[in-house]
Amino acid sequence: MSKQNKIKITQIKSQIGYKEKAKLTLKALGLRKMNQTVIKEDLPSIRGMIKTVDYLVHVEEVQ
């Protein structure tokens, strides 16, 4: 069984003033407020969500 890589996603900007699609994407990622961090598996679907809101989040790889 291979171990899936994980990524740490931190919201660095407020969602106020941005489009509804960006707000819904942050909610789907599990981010509700600024400086909140979640750890997710590095999947293509998660990477696509991050690409949609890349101007609101900071991404790091976790060992």
N, C-alpha and C. Protein backbone atom coordinates (compact mmCIF):
# COMPACT_ATOMS: atom_id res chain seq x y z
N MET A 1 0.85 -1.17 0.00
CA MET A 1 0.00 0.00 0.00
C MET A 1 0.89 1.23 0.00
N SER A 2 0.72 2.11 -1.01
CA SER A 2 1.56 3.30 -1.10
C SER A 2 0.97 4.42 -0.25
N LYS A 3 1.86 5.20 0.32
CA LYS A 3 1.44 6.30 1.18
C LYS A 3 1.24 7.55 0.32
N GLN A 4 0.08 8.16 0.42
CA GLN A 4 -0.26 9.35 -0.35
C GLN A 4 0.41 10.58 0.26
N ASN A 5 0.98 11.44 -0.59
CA ASN A 5 1.56 12.69 -0.12
C ASN A 5 0.45 13.60 0.39
N LYS A 6 0.81 14.47 1.32
CA LYS A 6 -0.17 15.40 1.87
C LYS A 6 0.31 16.82 1.65
N ILE A 7 -0.65 17.74 1.59
CA ILE A 7 -0.34 19.15 1.45
C ILE A 7 -1.04 19.94 2.53
N LYS A 8 -0.39 21.00 2.98
CA LYS A 8 -0.95 21.88 4.01
C LYS A 8 -1.41 23.15 3.31
N ILE A 9 -2.70 23.48 3.47
CA ILE A 9 -3.29 24.63 2.81
C ILE A 9 -3.67 25.64 3.87
N THR A 10 -3.17 26.87 3.75
CA THR A 10 -3.46 27.94 4.70
C THR A 10 -4.11 29.09 3.96
N GLN A 11 -5.24 29.59 4.49
CA GLN A 11 -5.90 30.74 3.90
C GLN A 11 -5.17 31.99 4.37
N ILE A 12 -4.66 32.78 3.41
CA ILE A 12 -3.87 33.96 3.76
C ILE A 12 -4.59 35.27 3.49
N LYS A 13 -5.71 35.22 2.79
CA LYS A 13 -6.49 36.43 2.51
C LYS A 13 -7.95 36.16 2.83
N SER A 14 -8.67 37.24 3.12
CA SER A 14 -10.09 37.13 3.40
C SER A 14 -10.85 36.86 2.10
N GLN A 15 -11.95 36.14 2.23
CA GLN A 15 -12.78 35.85 1.06
C GLN A 15 -13.75 36.98 0.74
N ILE A 16 -13.80 37.99 1.59
CA ILE A 16 -14.71 39.12 1.37
C ILE A 16 -14.29 39.88 0.10
N GLY A 17 -15.25 40.14 -0.75
CA GLY A 17 -15.00 40.90 -1.96
C GLY A 17 -14.64 40.06 -3.17
N TYR A 18 -14.56 38.75 -3.00
CA TYR A 18 -14.24 37.88 -4.12
C TYR A 18 -15.51 37.17 -4.61
N LYS A 19 -15.40 36.54 -5.77
CA LYS A 19 -16.56 35.91 -6.39
C LYS A 19 -17.08 34.74 -5.56
N GLU A 20 -18.33 34.42 -5.79
CA GLU A 20 -19.00 33.34 -5.07
C GLU A 20 -18.31 32.00 -5.30
N LYS A 21 -17.79 31.78 -6.50
CA LYS A 21 -17.09 30.53 -6.80
C LYS A 21 -15.88 30.35 -5.90
N ALA A 22 -15.15 31.43 -5.64
CA ALA A 22 -13.98 31.36 -4.75
C ALA A 22 -14.41 31.05 -3.33
N LYS A 23 -15.49 31.66 -2.88
CA LYS A 23 -15.99 31.41 -1.52
C LYS A 23 -16.42 29.95 -1.35
N LEU A 24 -17.10 29.41 -2.35
CA LEU A 24 -17.56 28.03 -2.28
C LEU A 24 -16.39 27.05 -2.35
N THR A 25 -15.36 27.40 -3.10
CA THR A 25 -14.18 26.54 -3.19
C THR A 25 -13.45 26.50 -1.85
N LEU A 26 -13.30 27.65 -1.19
CA LEU A 26 -12.68 27.68 0.14
C LEU A 26 -13.47 26.83 1.12
N LYS A 27 -14.79 26.93 1.05
CA LYS A 27 -15.65 26.15 1.94
C LYS A 27 -15.47 24.65 1.68
N ALA A 28 -15.36 24.27 0.41
CA ALA A 28 -15.17 22.87 0.05
C ALA A 28 -13.82 22.35 0.53
N LEU A 29 -12.82 23.22 0.57
CA LEU A 29 -11.51 22.83 1.08
C LEU A 29 -11.49 22.75 2.60
N GLY A 30 -12.52 23.29 3.26
CA GLY A 30 -12.58 23.24 4.72
C GLY A 30 -12.04 24.48 5.38
N LEU A 31 -11.86 25.55 4.61
CA LEU A 31 -11.34 26.80 5.15
C LEU A 31 -12.48 27.78 5.40
N ARG A 32 -12.55 28.30 6.64
CA ARG A 32 -13.63 29.22 7.00
C ARG A 32 -13.14 30.61 7.34
N LYS A 33 -11.92 30.74 7.86
CA LYS A 33 -11.43 32.05 8.26
C LYS A 33 -9.94 32.18 7.95
N MET A 34 -9.45 33.40 8.01
CA MET A 34 -8.06 33.68 7.69
C MET A 34 -7.11 32.96 8.65
N ASN A 35 -5.97 32.59 8.13
CA ASN A 35 -4.90 31.90 8.86
C ASN A 35 -5.30 30.51 9.35
N GLN A 36 -6.40 29.99 8.89
CA GLN A 36 -6.78 28.62 9.22
C GLN A 36 -6.03 27.68 8.28
N THR A 37 -5.59 26.55 8.82
CA THR A 37 -4.82 25.57 8.04
C THR A 37 -5.52 24.22 8.05
N VAL A 38 -5.54 23.58 6.89
CA VAL A 38 -6.05 22.21 6.78
C VAL A 38 -5.00 21.37 6.07
N ILE A 39 -5.01 20.08 6.36
CA ILE A 39 -4.10 19.15 5.69
C ILE A 39 -4.96 18.20 4.86
N LYS A 40 -4.66 18.13 3.57
CA LYS A 40 -5.41 17.30 2.64
C LYS A 40 -4.44 16.39 1.88
N GLU A 41 -4.98 15.32 1.32
CA GLU A 41 -4.17 14.46 0.47
C GLU A 41 -3.93 15.17 -0.86
N ASP A 42 -2.77 14.93 -1.45
CA ASP A 42 -2.39 15.58 -2.70
C ASP A 42 -3.03 14.84 -3.87
N LEU A 43 -4.26 15.21 -4.18
CA LEU A 43 -5.02 14.60 -5.26
C LEU A 43 -5.23 15.62 -6.38
N PRO A 44 -5.44 15.18 -7.60
CA PRO A 44 -5.69 16.12 -8.70
C PRO A 44 -6.91 17.02 -8.46
N SER A 45 -7.94 16.49 -7.82
CA SER A 45 -9.13 17.30 -7.55
C SER A 45 -8.82 18.43 -6.56
N ILE A 46 -8.02 18.13 -5.54
CA ILE A 46 -7.64 19.14 -4.55
C ILE A 46 -6.73 20.18 -5.22
N ARG A 47 -5.80 19.73 -6.07
CA ARG A 47 -4.92 20.66 -6.78
C ARG A 47 -5.72 21.61 -7.67
N GLY A 48 -6.78 21.11 -8.30
CA GLY A 48 -7.64 21.96 -9.12
C GLY A 48 -8.36 23.00 -8.30
N MET A 49 -8.80 22.61 -7.11
CA MET A 49 -9.47 23.57 -6.22
C MET A 49 -8.48 24.64 -5.77
N ILE A 50 -7.26 24.24 -5.49
CA ILE A 50 -6.23 25.20 -5.07
C ILE A 50 -5.92 26.17 -6.20
N LYS A 51 -5.87 25.66 -7.43
CA LYS A 51 -5.59 26.52 -8.58
C LYS A 51 -6.68 27.58 -8.74
N THR A 52 -7.92 27.23 -8.39
CA THR A 52 -9.03 28.17 -8.50
C THR A 52 -8.89 29.33 -7.52
N VAL A 53 -8.33 29.07 -6.34
CA VAL A 53 -8.21 30.12 -5.31
C VAL A 53 -6.76 30.34 -4.90
N ASP A 54 -5.84 30.21 -5.85
CA ASP A 54 -4.41 30.32 -5.52
C ASP A 54 -4.02 31.69 -4.98
N TYR A 55 -4.81 32.72 -5.25
CA TYR A 55 -4.53 34.07 -4.75
C TYR A 55 -5.02 34.26 -3.31
N LEU A 56 -5.71 33.27 -2.75
CA LEU A 56 -6.21 33.37 -1.37
C LEU A 56 -5.53 32.40 -0.41
N VAL A 57 -4.75 31.45 -0.94
CA VAL A 57 -4.18 30.41 -0.09
C VAL A 57 -2.67 30.27 -0.31
N HIS A 58 -2.03 29.65 0.68
CA HIS A 58 -0.61 29.30 0.61
C HIS A 58 -0.53 27.78 0.79
N VAL A 59 0.26 27.11 -0.05
CA VAL A 59 0.32 25.66 -0.06
C VAL A 59 1.74 25.20 0.24
N GLU A 60 1.86 24.20 1.15
CA GLU A 60 3.14 23.58 1.47
C GLU A 60 2.96 22.07 1.43
N GLU A 61 4.03 21.38 1.05
CA GLU A 61 3.99 19.92 1.08
C GLU A 61 4.39 19.45 2.46
N VAL A 62 3.72 18.40 2.95
CA VAL A 62 3.98 17.84 4.27
C VAL A 62 4.60 16.46 4.08
N GLN A 63 5.57 16.15 4.89
CA GLN A 63 6.25 14.86 4.82
C GLN A 63 5.38 13.76 5.39
